[in-house]
Amino acid sequence: MIVFSLSVVVPRSRRRDVVHSVGALLGHTRATPGCMDCRLYADYEDSNAIMLIEEWASQAALDRHLASDAYRTLVSAIEVSTKPPRIHFDDVVQRGGLEVIAMARQQHPET
């Protein structure tokens, strides 16, 4: 699985437009073959900061997405960022859930 994350800080005057245009892509992206999930988040501490997280089944599926017309909207969001955008592509080999928390709590009980 590949996790793509994009964090940008947009000017207050452009925030509504950027959130609307990126948000409009969510449904289309989720329906794209190979997309496992796609979410847009607002930063609690900085209302002008947004983060997009996409999970892809393979590098090939992500590559097709990055070459798509829809991705141009994300490039526009990157271009209006008032701070350098943070872009990450993480290759996830293993994913855990509640069992990871349970194991850690068993190995390190509170004293």
Protein backbone atom coordinates (compact mmCIF):
# COMPACT_ATOMS: atom_id res chain seq x y z
CA MET A 1 0.00 0.00 0.00
CA ILE A 2 1.18 3.52 -0.78
CA VAL A 3 0.02 6.46 1.37
CA PHE A 4 0.15 9.87 -0.30
CA SER A 5 -0.14 12.88 1.98
CA LEU A 6 -0.24 16.54 1.04
CA SER A 7 -0.27 19.40 3.55
CA VAL A 8 -0.70 23.01 2.43
CA VAL A 9 -1.39 26.33 4.10
CA VAL A 10 -3.54 28.49 1.88
CA PRO A 11 -4.25 32.20 2.14
CA ARG A 12 -7.37 32.92 4.16
CA SER A 13 -8.92 34.59 1.09
CA ARG A 14 -8.46 31.37 -0.97
CA ARG A 15 -9.26 28.76 1.68
CA ARG A 16 -12.91 28.28 0.76
CA ASP A 17 -12.10 27.87 -2.95
CA VAL A 18 -9.24 25.46 -2.33
CA VAL A 19 -11.22 23.32 0.12
CA HIS A 20 -14.17 23.26 -2.27
CA SER A 21 -12.10 22.30 -5.33
CA VAL A 22 -10.04 19.64 -3.53
CA GLY A 23 -13.13 18.37 -1.71
CA ALA A 24 -14.94 17.99 -5.03
CA LEU A 25 -12.26 15.46 -6.07
CA LEU A 26 -12.81 13.11 -3.14
CA GLY A 27 -15.69 11.09 -4.60
CA HIS A 28 -13.99 10.71 -7.98
CA THR A 29 -10.69 9.72 -6.36
CA ARG A 30 -12.36 7.14 -4.10
CA ALA A 31 -14.01 5.59 -7.17
CA THR A 32 -10.69 5.34 -9.01
CA PRO A 33 -9.41 1.75 -9.34
CA GLY A 34 -6.73 1.14 -6.76
CA CYS A 35 -7.82 3.87 -4.34
CA MET A 36 -8.42 2.38 -0.91
CA ASP A 37 -9.31 5.64 0.87
CA CYS A 38 -9.18 9.40 0.42
CA ARG A 39 -9.77 12.05 3.11
CA LEU A 40 -9.42 15.82 3.41
CA TYR A 41 -8.68 17.26 6.85
CA ALA A 42 -8.57 20.72 8.39
CA ASP A 43 -5.87 21.56 10.93
CA TYR A 44 -7.22 22.25 14.42
CA GLU A 45 -4.48 24.78 15.21
CA ASP A 46 -4.30 26.55 11.85
CA SER A 47 -7.62 26.93 10.04
CA ASN A 48 -5.81 27.76 6.79
CA ALA A 49 -3.91 24.45 6.78
CA ILE A 50 -5.42 21.42 5.09
CA MET A 51 -4.18 17.89 4.61
CA LEU A 52 -5.17 15.36 1.99
CA ILE A 53 -4.44 11.69 2.66
CA GLU A 54 -4.90 9.05 -0.01
CA GLU A 55 -4.24 5.32 0.29
CA TRP A 56 -3.44 3.36 -2.86
CA ALA A 57 -3.27 -0.39 -3.41
CA SER A 58 -0.21 -0.13 -5.64
CA GLN A 59 2.35 2.26 -7.05
CA ALA A 60 0.87 1.76 -10.52
CA ALA A 61 -2.58 2.91 -9.34
CA LEU A 62 -1.06 5.96 -7.66
CA ASP A 63 0.98 6.76 -10.77
CA ARG A 64 -2.17 6.74 -12.92
CA HIS A 65 -3.79 9.13 -10.43
CA LEU A 66 -0.78 11.47 -10.41
CA ALA A 67 -0.92 11.64 -14.22
CA SER A 68 -4.69 12.34 -14.30
CA ASP A 69 -6.47 15.62 -15.03
CA ALA A 70 -7.95 15.52 -11.52
CA TYR A 71 -4.47 15.76 -10.03
CA ARG A 72 -4.04 19.18 -11.66
CA THR A 73 -6.46 20.55 -9.05
CA LEU A 74 -4.06 19.41 -6.35
CA VAL A 75 -1.20 21.11 -8.15
CA SER A 76 -3.22 24.33 -8.01
CA ALA A 77 -3.59 23.93 -4.23
CA ILE A 78 0.15 23.40 -3.96
CA GLU A 79 0.84 26.53 -6.00
CA VAL A 80 -1.21 28.80 -3.72
CA SER A 81 0.32 27.46 -0.51
CA THR A 82 1.80 30.25 1.59
CA LYS A 83 4.36 27.84 3.08
CA PRO A 84 6.33 25.09 1.36
CA PRO A 85 3.91 22.18 0.95
CA ARG A 86 4.65 18.91 2.69
CA ILE A 87 4.29 16.01 0.29
CA HIS A 88 5.00 12.42 1.32
CA PHE A 89 4.72 9.07 -0.39
CA ASP A 90 4.97 6.27 2.17
CA ASP A 91 5.24 2.60 1.25
CA VAL A 92 3.37 0.71 3.97
CA VAL A 93 4.48 -2.88 4.40
CA GLN A 94 2.30 -3.75 7.38
CA ARG A 95 -0.74 -2.19 9.00
CA GLY A 96 -1.94 -2.79 12.53
CA GLY A 97 -4.95 -1.81 14.56
CA LEU A 98 -6.13 -2.12 18.15
CA GLU A 99 -4.00 -5.22 18.60
CA VAL A 100 -0.87 -3.04 18.46
CA ILE A 101 -2.16 -0.93 21.35
CA ALA A 102 -3.13 -4.04 23.34
CA MET A 103 0.32 -5.58 22.80
CA ALA A 104 2.12 -2.39 23.88
CA ARG A 105 -0.04 -2.10 27.01
CA GLN A 106 0.65 -5.74 27.90
CA GLN A 107 4.39 -5.31 27.44
CA HIS A 108 4.56 -2.01 29.35
CA PRO A 109 1.83 -1.95 32.02
CA GLU A 110 1.52 1.19 34.12
CA THR A 111 3.17 0.99 37.47
